[in-house]
Amino acid sequence: MTGGTRDRAVVGRLLPWTGADGKPCYLVGDGTGYVARLADGIEDVQIDMADALLGHADELLAERRVTGEELHYLARRLSESLRDVKRVAESRGARLAHRSRP
């Protein structure tokens, strides 16, 4: 049997969190279950947090008196946020590419 659903490669969805050892977590399924909805919600929160952090960075960097500690803290949060948003982009990009295949 060729061309059927059994011949399609199983593609896992990259989830917006990692395992205890820091390795990526994937979800295999149709994307409609509880874990998929939870992942969607977490991705939305991560993107909203990145947007708020960018606003905070703009305000902080506009000030004349910013300490090294404040800049270090900001850089750490921006780095974490960028990592999260990159993971969301990779996950969503992979799903878009998978959907566009014939």
PDB file of N, CA and C in Angstrom:
ATOM      1  N   MET A   1       0.854  -1.170   0.000  1.00  0.00           N
ATOM      2  CA  MET A   1       0.000   0.000   0.000  1.00  0.00           C
ATOM      3  C   MET A   1       0.894   1.225   0.000  1.00  0.00           C
ATOM      4  N   THR A   2       0.810   2.051  -1.007  1.00  0.00           N
ATOM      5  CA  THR A   2       1.619   3.270  -1.075  1.00  0.00           C
ATOM      6  C   THR A   2       0.716   4.481  -1.163  1.00  0.00           C
ATOM      7  N   GLY A   3       1.192   5.576  -0.569  1.00  0.00           N
ATOM      8  CA  GLY A   3       0.432   6.814  -0.618  1.00  0.00           C
ATOM      9  C   GLY A   3      -0.624   6.929   0.456  1.00  0.00           C
ATOM     10  N   GLY A   4      -0.820   5.886   1.231  1.00  0.00           N
ATOM     11  CA  GLY A   4      -1.827   5.927   2.284  1.00  0.00           C
ATOM     12  C   GLY A   4      -1.306   6.597   3.542  1.00  0.00           C
ATOM     13  N   THR A   5      -2.178   6.679   4.520  1.00  0.00           N
ATOM     14  CA  THR A   5      -1.795   7.349   5.761  1.00  0.00           C
ATOM     15  C   THR A   5      -0.689   6.602   6.493  1.00  0.00           C
ATOM     16  N   ARG A   6      -0.583   5.312   6.321  1.00  0.00           N
ATOM     17  CA  ARG A   6       0.473   4.554   6.994  1.00  0.00           C
ATOM     18  C   ARG A   6       1.845   4.852   6.412  1.00  0.00           C
ATOM     19  N   ASP A   7       1.917   5.334   5.189  1.00  0.00           N
ATOM     20  CA  ASP A   7       3.198   5.624   4.550  1.00  0.00           C
ATOM     21  C   ASP A   7       3.745   6.998   4.915  1.00  0.00           C
ATOM     22  N   ARG A   8       2.940   7.841   5.491  1.00  0.00           N
ATOM     23  CA  ARG A   8       3.399   9.178   5.859  1.00  0.00           C
ATOM     24  C   ARG A   8       4.341   9.096   7.047  1.00  0.00           C
ATOM     25  N   ALA A   9       5.387   9.891   7.001  1.00  0.00           N
ATOM     26  CA  ALA A   9       6.324   9.932   8.121  1.00  0.00           C
ATOM     27  C   ALA A   9       5.658  10.589   9.322  1.00  0.00           C
ATOM     28  N   VAL A  10       5.931  10.062  10.479  1.00  0.00           N
ATOM     29  CA  VAL A  10       5.408  10.647  11.709  1.00  0.00           C
ATOM     30  C   VAL A  10       6.282  11.839  12.062  1.00  0.00           C
ATOM     31  N   VAL A  11       5.660  12.999  12.172  1.00  0.00           N
ATOM     32  CA  VAL A  11       6.376  14.219  12.508  1.00  0.00           C
ATOM     33  C   VAL A  11       5.907  14.681  13.868  1.00  0.00           C
ATOM     34  N   GLY A  12       6.854  14.916  14.761  1.00  0.00           N
ATOM     35  CA  GLY A  12       6.504  15.377  16.093  1.00  0.00           C
ATOM     36  C   GLY A  12       6.514  16.893  16.157  1.00  0.00           C
ATOM     37  N   ARG A  13       5.669  17.415  16.995  1.00  0.00           N
ATOM     38  CA  ARG A  13       5.617  18.863  17.217  1.00  0.00           C
ATOM     39  C   ARG A  13       6.613  19.221  18.321  1.00  0.00           C
ATOM     40  N   LEU A  14       7.482  20.172  18.048  1.00  0.00           N
ATOM     41  CA  LEU A  14       8.399  20.669  19.063  1.00  0.00           C
ATOM     42  C   LEU A  14       7.586  21.444  20.085  1.00  0.00           C
ATOM     43  N   LEU A  15       7.680  21.035  21.331  1.00  0.00           N
ATOM     44  CA  LEU A  15       6.910  21.674  22.396  1.00  0.00           C
ATOM     45  C   LEU A  15       7.677  22.860  22.986  1.00  0.00           C
ATOM     46  N   PRO A  16       6.968  23.807  23.605  1.00  0.00           N
ATOM     47  CA  PRO A  16       7.618  25.022  24.104  1.00  0.00           C
ATOM     48  C   PRO A  16       8.331  24.837  25.444  1.00  0.00           C
ATOM     49  N   TRP A  17       8.639  23.611  25.805  1.00  0.00           N
ATOM     50  CA  TRP A  17       9.395  23.354  27.026  1.00  0.00           C
ATOM     51  C   TRP A  17      10.381  22.233  26.746  1.00  0.00           C
ATOM     52  N   THR A  18      11.337  22.076  27.645  1.00  0.00           N
ATOM     53  CA  THR A  18      12.325  21.009  27.512  1.00  0.00           C
ATOM     54  C   THR A  18      12.129  20.005  28.639  1.00  0.00           C
ATOM     55  N   GLY A  19      12.768  18.863  28.481  1.00  0.00           N
ATOM     56  CA  GLY A  19      12.736  17.846  29.521  1.00  0.00           C
ATOM     57  C   GLY A  19      13.671  18.238  30.662  1.00  0.00           C
ATOM     58  N   ALA A  20      13.689  17.429  31.698  1.00  0.00           N
ATOM     59  CA  ALA A  20      14.507  17.703  32.875  1.00  0.00           C
ATOM     60  C   ALA A  20      15.991  17.809  32.520  1.00  0.00           C
ATOM     61  N   ASP A  21      16.412  17.116  31.483  1.00  0.00           N
ATOM     62  CA  ASP A  21      17.808  17.141  31.081  1.00  0.00           C
ATOM     63  C   ASP A  21      18.109  18.229  30.048  1.00  0.00           C
ATOM     64  N   GLY A  22      17.120  19.082  29.750  1.00  0.00           N
ATOM     65  CA  GLY A  22      17.314  20.172  28.805  1.00  0.00           C
ATOM     66  C   GLY A  22      17.116  19.791  27.350  1.00  0.00           C
ATOM     67  N   LYS A  23      16.783  18.535  27.094  1.00  0.00           N
ATOM     68  CA  LYS A  23      16.566  18.084  25.716  1.00  0.00           C
ATOM     69  C   LYS A  23      15.160  18.477  25.264  1.00  0.00           C
ATOM     70  N   PRO A  24      14.980  18.683  23.961  1.00  0.00           N
ATOM     71  CA  PRO A  24      13.658  19.077  23.453  1.00  0.00           C
ATOM     72  C   PRO A  24      12.615  17.982  23.674  1.00  0.00           C
ATOM     73  N   CYS A  25      11.384  18.420  23.817  1.00  0.00           N
ATOM     74  CA  CYS A  25      10.234  17.515  23.938  1.00  0.00           C
ATOM     75  C   CYS A  25       9.391  17.641  22.674  1.00  0.00           C
ATOM     76  N   TYR A  26       8.861  16.519  22.236  1.00  0.00           N
ATOM     77  CA  TYR A  26       8.031  16.493  21.039  1.00  0.00           C
ATOM     78  C   TYR A  26       6.703  15.818  21.354  1.00  0.00           C
ATOM     79  N   LEU A  27       5.684  16.222  20.616  1.00  0.00           N
ATOM     80  CA  LEU A  27       4.360  15.628  20.720  1.00  0.00           C
ATOM     81  C   LEU A  27       4.021  15.008  19.374  1.00  0.00           C
ATOM     82  N   VAL A  28       3.626  13.753  19.394  1.00  0.00           N
ATOM     83  CA  VAL A  28       3.195  13.079  18.176  1.00  0.00           C
ATOM     84  C   VAL A  28       1.698  12.864  18.297  1.00  0.00           C
ATOM     85  N   GLY A  29       0.989  13.337  17.320  1.00  0.00           N
ATOM     86  CA  GLY A  29      -0.464  13.194  17.326  1.00  0.00           C
ATOM     87  C   GLY A  29      -1.081  14.111  16.298  1.00  0.00           C
ATOM     88  N   ASP A  30      -2.384  14.242  16.380  1.00  0.00           N
ATOM     89  CA  ASP A  30      -3.091  15.049  15.379  1.00  0.00           C
ATOM     90  C   ASP A  30      -3.157  16.533  15.738  1.00  0.00           C
ATOM     91  N   GLY A  31      -2.646  16.910  16.910  1.00  0.00           N
ATOM     92  CA  GLY A  31      -2.603  18.321  17.289  1.00  0.00           C
ATOM     93  C   GLY A  31      -3.889  18.866  17.867  1.00  0.00           C
ATOM     94  N   THR A  32      -4.799  17.988  18.282  1.00  0.00           N
ATOM     95  CA  THR A  32      -6.087  18.459  18.804  1.00  0.00           C
ATOM     96  C   THR A  32      -6.300  18.121  20.274  1.00  0.00           C
ATOM     97  N   GLY A  33      -5.360  17.431  20.886  1.00  0.00           N
ATOM     98  CA  GLY A  33      -5.542  16.978  22.257  1.00  0.00           C
ATOM     99  C   GLY A  33      -5.157  18.010  23.304  1.00  0.00           C
ATOM    100  N   TYR A  34      -5.239  17.570  24.557  1.00  0.00           N
ATOM    101  CA  TYR A  34      -4.973  18.434  25.700  1.00  0.00           C
ATOM    102  C   TYR A  34      -3.552  19.015  25.663  1.00  0.00           C
ATOM    103  N   VAL A  35      -2.553  18.178  25.411  1.00  0.00           N
ATOM    104  CA  VAL A  35      -1.165  18.649  25.425  1.00  0.00           C
ATOM    105  C   VAL A  35      -0.941  19.662  24.306  1.00  0.00           C
ATOM    106  N   ALA A  36      -1.533  19.450  23.148  1.00  0.00           N
ATOM    107  CA  ALA A  36      -1.395  20.407  22.046  1.00  0.00           C
ATOM    108  C   ALA A  36      -2.015  21.751  22.420  1.00  0.00           C
ATOM    109  N   ARG A  37      -3.179  21.724  23.052  1.00  0.00           N
ATOM    110  CA  ARG A  37      -3.829  22.972  23.483  1.00  0.00           C
ATOM    111  C   ARG A  37      -3.013  23.661  24.576  1.00  0.00           C
ATOM    112  N   LEU A  38      -2.448  22.891  25.493  1.00  0.00           N
ATOM    113  CA  LEU A  38      -1.587  23.443  26.531  1.00  0.00           C
ATOM    114  C   LEU A  38      -0.357  24.111  25.906  1.00  0.00           C
ATOM    115  N   ALA A  39       0.249  23.448  24.943  1.00  0.00           N
ATOM    116  CA  ALA A  39       1.412  24.003  24.255  1.00  0.00           C
ATOM    117  C   ALA A  39       1.051  25.294  23.518  1.00  0.00           C
ATOM    118  N   ASP A  40      -0.105  25.326  22.865  1.00  0.00           N
ATOM    119  CA  ASP A  40      -0.562  26.547  22.190  1.00  0.00           C
ATOM    120  C   ASP A  40      -0.665  27.703  23.180  1.00  0.00           C
ATOM    121  N   GLY A  41      -1.253  27.427  24.340  1.00  0.00           N
ATOM    122  CA  GLY A  41      -1.411  28.460  25.363  1.00  0.00           C
ATOM    123  C   GLY A  41      -0.077  28.958  25.885  1.00  0.00           C
ATOM    124  N   ILE A  42       0.848  28.042  26.121  1.00  0.00           N
ATOM    125  CA  ILE A  42       2.164  28.438  26.616  1.00  0.00           C
ATOM    126  C   ILE A  42       2.909  29.252  25.572  1.00  0.00           C
ATOM    127  N   GLU A  43       2.816  28.854  24.312  1.00  0.00           N
ATOM    128  CA  GLU A  43       3.452  29.638  23.242  1.00  0.00           C
ATOM    129  C   GLU A  43       2.899  31.058  23.212  1.00  0.00           C
ATOM    130  N   ASP A  44       1.588  31.202  23.345  1.00  0.00           N
ATOM    131  CA  ASP A  44       0.981  32.537  23.353  1.00  0.00           C
ATOM    132  C   ASP A  44       1.494  33.374  24.520  1.00  0.00           C
ATOM    133  N   VAL A  45       1.612  32.754  25.689  1.00  0.00           N
ATOM    134  CA  VAL A  45       2.138  33.464  26.865  1.00  0.00           C
ATOM    135  C   VAL A  45       3.589  33.880  26.624  1.00  0.00           C
ATOM    136  N   GLN A  46       4.390  32.994  26.058  1.00  0.00           N
ATOM    137  CA  GLN A  46       5.792  33.312  25.792  1.00  0.00           C
ATOM    138  C   GLN A  46       5.927  34.489  24.828  1.00  0.00           C
ATOM    139  N   ILE A  47       5.105  34.526  23.805  1.00  0.00           N
ATOM    140  CA  ILE A  47       5.158  35.629  22.842  1.00  0.00           C
ATOM    141  C   ILE A  47       4.702  36.930  23.503  1.00  0.00           C
ATOM    142  N   ASP A  48       3.650  36.881  24.301  1.00  0.00           N
ATOM    143  CA  ASP A  48       3.185  38.080  25.020  1.00  0.00           C
ATOM    144  C   ASP A  48       4.247  38.585  25.993  1.00  0.00           C
ATOM    145  N   MET A  49       4.911  37.661  26.681  1.00  0.00           N
ATOM    146  CA  MET A  49       5.965  38.060  27.617  1.00  0.00           C
ATOM    147  C   MET A  49       7.131  38.707  26.874  1.00  0.00           C
ATOM    148  N   ALA A  50       7.481  38.191  25.703  1.00  0.00           N
ATOM    149  CA  ALA A  50       8.561  38.777  24.911  1.00  0.00           C
ATOM    150  C   ALA A  50       8.202  40.202  24.499  1.00  0.00           C
ATOM    151  N   ASP A  51       6.952  40.412  24.118  1.00  0.00           N
ATOM    152  CA  ASP A  51       6.501  41.744  23.725  1.00  0.00           C
ATOM    153  C   ASP A  51       6.593  42.717  24.900  1.00  0.00           C
ATOM    154  N   ALA A  52       6.140  42.275  26.063  1.00  0.00           N
ATOM    155  CA  ALA A  52       6.211  43.127  27.255  1.00  0.00           C
ATOM    156  C   ALA A  52       7.665  43.409  27.643  1.00  0.00           C
ATOM    157  N   LEU A  53       8.522  42.420  27.525  1.00  0.00           N
ATOM    158  CA  LEU A  53       9.928  42.599  27.861  1.00  0.00           C
ATOM    159  C   LEU A  53      10.600  43.589  26.910  1.00  0.00           C
ATOM    160  N   LEU A  54      10.244  43.552  25.645  1.00  0.00           N
ATOM    161  CA  LEU A  54      10.793  44.530  24.699  1.00  0.00           C
ATOM    162  C   LEU A  54      10.385  45.945  25.074  1.00  0.00           C
ATOM    163  N   GLY A  55       9.151  46.117  25.508  1.00  0.00           N
ATOM    164  CA  GLY A  55       8.704  47.435  25.978  1.00  0.00           C
ATOM    165  C   GLY A  55       9.490  47.891  27.187  1.00  0.00           C
ATOM    166  N   HIS A  56       9.721  46.982  28.117  1.00  0.00           N
ATOM    167  CA  HIS A  56      10.515  47.301  29.304  1.00  0.00           C
ATOM    168  C   HIS A  56      11.950  47.656  28.905  1.00  0.00           C
ATOM    169  N   ALA A  57      12.516  46.921  27.969  1.00  0.00           N
ATOM    170  CA  ALA A  57      13.883  47.194  27.511  1.00  0.00           C
ATOM    171  C   ALA A  57      13.973  48.581  26.888  1.00  0.00           C
ATOM    172  N   ASP A  58      12.977  48.947  26.076  1.00  0.00           N
ATOM    173  CA  ASP A  58      12.964  50.284  25.475  1.00  0.00           C
ATOM    174  C   ASP A  58      12.972  51.371  26.549  1.00  0.00           C
ATOM    175  N   GLU A  59      12.139  51.196  27.566  1.00  0.00           N
ATOM    176  CA  GLU A  59      12.066  52.182  28.647  1.00  0.00           C
ATOM    177  C   GLU A  59      13.371  52.251  29.437  1.00  0.00           C
ATOM    178  N   LEU A  60      13.905  51.100  29.776  1.00  0.00           N
ATOM    179  CA  LEU A  60      15.132  51.059  30.571  1.00  0.00           C
ATOM    180  C   LEU A  60      16.310  51.662  29.815  1.00  0.00           C
ATOM    181  N   LEU A  61      16.421  51.339  28.544  1.00  0.00           N
ATOM    182  CA  LEU A  61      17.546  51.829  27.757  1.00  0.00           C
ATOM    183  C   LEU A  61      17.425  53.317  27.425  1.00  0.00           C
ATOM    184  N   ALA A  62      16.220  53.879  27.537  1.00  0.00           N
ATOM    185  CA  ALA A  62      16.025  55.309  27.308  1.00  0.00           C
ATOM    186  C   ALA A  62      16.492  56.135  28.505  1.00  0.00           C
ATOM    187  N   GLU A  63      16.621  55.500  29.663  1.00  0.00           N
ATOM    188  CA  GLU A  63      17.065  56.210  30.858  1.00  0.00           C
ATOM    189  C   GLU A  63      18.560  56.504  30.784  1.00  0.00           C
ATOM    190  N   ARG A  64      18.961  57.572  31.418  1.00  0.00           N
ATOM    191  CA  ARG A  64      20.373  57.947  31.435  1.00  0.00           C
ATOM    192  C   ARG A  64      21.163  57.174  32.488  1.00  0.00           C
ATOM    193  N   ARG A  65      20.509  56.850  33.586  1.00  0.00           N
ATOM    194  CA  ARG A  65      21.217  56.185  34.687  1.00  0.00           C
ATOM    195  C   ARG A  65      20.745  54.738  34.817  1.00  0.00           C
ATOM    196  N   VAL A  66      21.470  53.855  34.218  1.00  0.00           N
ATOM    197  CA  VAL A  66      21.167  52.436  34.288  1.00  0.00           C
ATOM    198  C   VAL A  66      22.409  51.741  34.833  1.00  0.00           C
ATOM    199  N   THR A  67      22.219  50.922  35.834  1.00  0.00           N
ATOM    200  CA  THR A  67      23.365  50.240  36.436  1.00  0.00           C
ATOM    201  C   THR A  67      23.747  49.012  35.617  1.00  0.00           C
ATOM    202  N   GLY A  68      24.947  48.561  35.845  1.00  0.00           N
ATOM    203  CA  GLY A  68      25.407  47.340  35.196  1.00  0.00           C
ATOM    204  C   GLY A  68      24.563  46.138  35.571  1.00  0.00           C
ATOM    205  N   GLU A  69      24.132  46.108  36.836  1.00  0.00           N
ATOM    206  CA  GLU A  69      23.279  45.007  37.291  1.00  0.00           C
ATOM    207  C   GLU A  69      21.940  45.001  36.557  1.00  0.00           C
ATOM    208  N   GLU A  70      21.376  46.190  36.349  1.00  0.00           N
ATOM    209  CA  GLU A  70      20.105  46.278  35.623  1.00  0.00           C
ATOM    210  C   GLU A  70      20.277  45.820  34.180  1.00  0.00           C
ATOM    211  N   LEU A  71      21.355  46.238  33.553  1.00  0.00           N
ATOM    212  CA  LEU A  71      21.608  45.815  32.174  1.00  0.00           C
ATOM    213  C   LEU A  71      21.853  44.308  32.093  1.00  0.00           C
ATOM    214  N   HIS A  72      22.577  43.782  33.063  1.00  0.00           N
ATOM    215  CA  HIS A  72      22.835  42.341  33.089  1.00  0.00           C
ATOM    216  C   HIS A  72      21.522  41.567  33.246  1.00  0.00           C
ATOM    217  N   TYR A  73      20.675  42.014  34.160  1.00  0.00           N
ATOM    218  CA  TYR A  73      19.384  41.375  34.369  1.00  0.00           C
ATOM    219  C   TYR A  73      18.546  41.433  33.087  1.00  0.00           C
ATOM    220  N   LEU A  74      18.517  42.594  32.453  1.00  0.00           N
ATOM    221  CA  LEU A  74      17.767  42.759  31.208  1.00  0.00           C
ATOM    222  C   LEU A  74      18.300  41.823  30.122  1.00  0.00           C
ATOM    223  N   ALA A  75      19.617  41.751  30.001  1.00  0.00           N
ATOM    224  CA  ALA A  75      20.219  40.882  28.984  1.00  0.00           C
ATOM    225  C   ALA A  75      19.859  39.420  29.226  1.00  0.00           C
ATOM    226  N   ARG A  76      19.857  38.995  30.481  1.00  0.00           N
ATOM    227  CA  ARG A  76      19.493  37.609  30.795  1.00  0.00           C
ATOM    228  C   ARG A  76      18.039  37.325  30.423  1.00  0.00           C
ATOM    229  N   ARG A  77      17.135  38.234  30.780  1.00  0.00           N
ATOM    230  CA  ARG A  77      15.715  38.034  30.459  1.00  0.00           C
ATOM    231  C   ARG A  77      15.493  38.065  28.947  1.00  0.00           C
ATOM    232  N   LEU A  78      16.156  38.972  28.245  1.00  0.00           N
ATOM    233  CA  LEU A  78      16.020  39.033  26.788  1.00  0.00           C
ATOM    234  C   LEU A  78      16.535  37.750  26.144  1.00  0.00           C
ATOM    235  N   SER A  79      17.630  37.226  26.666  1.00  0.00           N
ATOM    236  CA  SER A  79      18.182  35.974  26.146  1.00  0.00           C
ATOM    237  C   SER A  79      17.205  34.818  26.346  1.00  0.00           C
ATOM    238  N   GLU A  80      16.629  34.711  27.527  1.00  0.00           N
ATOM    239  CA  GLU A  80      15.642  33.668  27.801  1.00  0.00           C
ATOM    240  C   GLU A  80      14.436  33.805  26.886  1.00  0.00           C
ATOM    241  N   SER A  81      13.963  35.036  26.728  1.00  0.00           N
ATOM    242  CA  SER A  81      12.789  35.291  25.906  1.00  0.00           C
ATOM    243  C   SER A  81      13.064  34.979  24.435  1.00  0.00           C
ATOM    244  N   LEU A  82      14.232  35.362  23.963  1.00  0.00           N
ATOM    245  CA  LEU A  82      14.594  35.082  22.573  1.00  0.00           C
ATOM    246  C   LEU A  82      14.669  33.573  22.337  1.00  0.00           C
ATOM    247  N   ARG A  83      15.192  32.836  23.289  1.00  0.00           N
ATOM    248  CA  ARG A  83      15.259  31.374  23.178  1.00  0.00           C
ATOM    249  C   ARG A  83      13.847  30.787  23.080  1.00  0.00           C
ATOM    250  N   ASP A  84      12.935  31.282  23.917  1.00  0.00           N
ATOM    251  CA  ASP A  84      11.552  30.798  23.889  1.00  0.00           C
ATOM    252  C   ASP A  84      10.877  31.101  22.550  1.00  0.00           C
ATOM    253  N   VAL A  85      11.024  32.327  22.086  1.00  0.00           N
ATOM    254  CA  VAL A  85      10.358  32.728  20.845  1.00  0.00           C
ATOM    255  C   VAL A  85      10.969  32.002  19.646  1.00  0.00           C
ATOM    256  N   LYS A  86      12.257  31.747  19.690  1.00  0.00           N
ATOM    257  CA  LYS A  86      12.914  30.969  18.625  1.00  0.00           C
ATOM    258  C   LYS A  86      12.330  29.566  18.574  1.00  0.00           C
ATOM    259  N   ARG A  87      12.125  28.952  19.730  1.00  0.00           N
ATOM    260  CA  ARG A  87      11.536  27.608  19.786  1.00  0.00           C
ATOM    261  C   ARG A  87      10.112  27.625  19.216  1.00  0.00           C
ATOM    262  N   VAL A  88       9.335  28.659  19.555  1.00  0.00           N
ATOM    263  CA  VAL A  88       7.977  28.784  19.013  1.00  0.00           C
ATOM    264  C   VAL A  88       8.037  28.908  17.489  1.00  0.00           C
ATOM    265  N   ALA A  89       8.938  29.732  16.990  1.00  0.00           N
ATOM    266  CA  ALA A  89       9.064  29.916  15.534  1.00  0.00           C
ATOM    267  C   ALA A  89       9.462  28.612  14.844  1.00  0.00           C
ATOM    268  N   GLU A  90      10.399  27.882  15.431  1.00  0.00           N
ATOM    269  CA  GLU A  90      10.812  26.607  14.847  1.00  0.00           C
ATOM    270  C   GLU A  90       9.654  25.616  14.827  1.00  0.00           C
ATOM    271  N   SER A  91       8.909  25.550  15.922  1.00  0.00           N
ATOM    272  CA  SER A  91       7.791  24.625  16.006  1.00  0.00           C
ATOM    273  C   SER A  91       6.704  24.976  14.996  1.00  0.00           C
ATOM    274  N   ARG A  92       6.345  26.243  14.961  1.00  0.00           N
ATOM    275  CA  ARG A  92       5.277  26.654  14.034  1.00  0.00           C
ATOM    276  C   ARG A  92       5.732  26.558  12.589  1.00  0.00           C
ATOM    277  N   GLY A  93       6.984  26.892  12.325  1.00  0.00           N
ATOM    278  CA  GLY A  93       7.513  26.776  10.968  1.00  0.00           C
ATOM    279  C   GLY A  93       7.510  25.335  10.479  1.00  0.00           C
ATOM    280  N   ALA A  94       7.895  24.410  11.352  1.00  0.00           N
ATOM    281  CA  ALA A  94       7.896  22.994  10.990  1.00  0.00           C
ATOM    282  C   ALA A  94       6.482  22.503  10.697  1.00  0.00           C
ATOM    283  N   ARG A  95       5.521  22.957  11.495  1.00  0.00           N
ATOM    284  CA  ARG A  95       4.142  22.536  11.258  1.00  0.00           C
ATOM    285  C   ARG A  95       3.591  23.125   9.963  1.00  0.00           C
ATOM    286  N   LEU A  96       3.959  24.355   9.639  1.00  0.00           N
ATOM    287  CA  LEU A  96       3.517  24.953   8.381  1.00  0.00           C
ATOM    288  C   LEU A  96       4.109  24.200   7.198  1.00  0.00           C
ATOM    289  N   ALA A  97       5.394  23.862   7.288  1.00  0.00           N
ATOM    290  CA  ALA A  97       6.052  23.140   6.208  1.00  0.00           C
ATOM    291  C   ALA A  97       5.412  21.765   6.024  1.00  0.00           C
ATOM    292  N   HIS A  98       5.070  21.119   7.122  1.00  0.00           N
ATOM    293  CA  HIS A  98       4.451  19.782   7.057  1.00  0.00           C
ATOM    294  C   HIS A  98       3.067  19.857   6.420  1.00  0.00           C
ATOM    295  N   ARG A  99       2.308  20.907   6.748  1.00  0.00           N
ATOM    296  CA  ARG A  99       0.952  21.062   6.193  1.00  0.00           C
ATOM    297  C   ARG A  99       0.977  21.368   4.707  1.00  0.00           C
ATOM    298  N   SER A 100       2.028  22.044   4.240  1.00  0.00           N
ATOM    299  CA  SER A 100       2.062  22.450   2.837  1.00  0.00           C
ATOM    300  C   SER A 100       2.507  21.329   1.912  1.00  0.00           C
ATOM    301  N   ARG A 101       2.964  20.217   2.475  1.00  0.00           N
ATOM    302  CA  ARG A 101       3.369  19.082   1.638  1.00  0.00           C
ATOM    303  C   ARG A 101       2.150  18.393   1.059  1.00  0.00           C
ATOM    304  N   PRO A 102       2.268  17.905  -0.170  1.00  0.00           N
ATOM    305  CA  PRO A 102       1.120  17.207  -0.775  1.00  0.00           C
ATOM    306  C   PRO A 102       0.830  15.885  -0.119  1.00  0.00           C
TER     307      PRO A 102
END
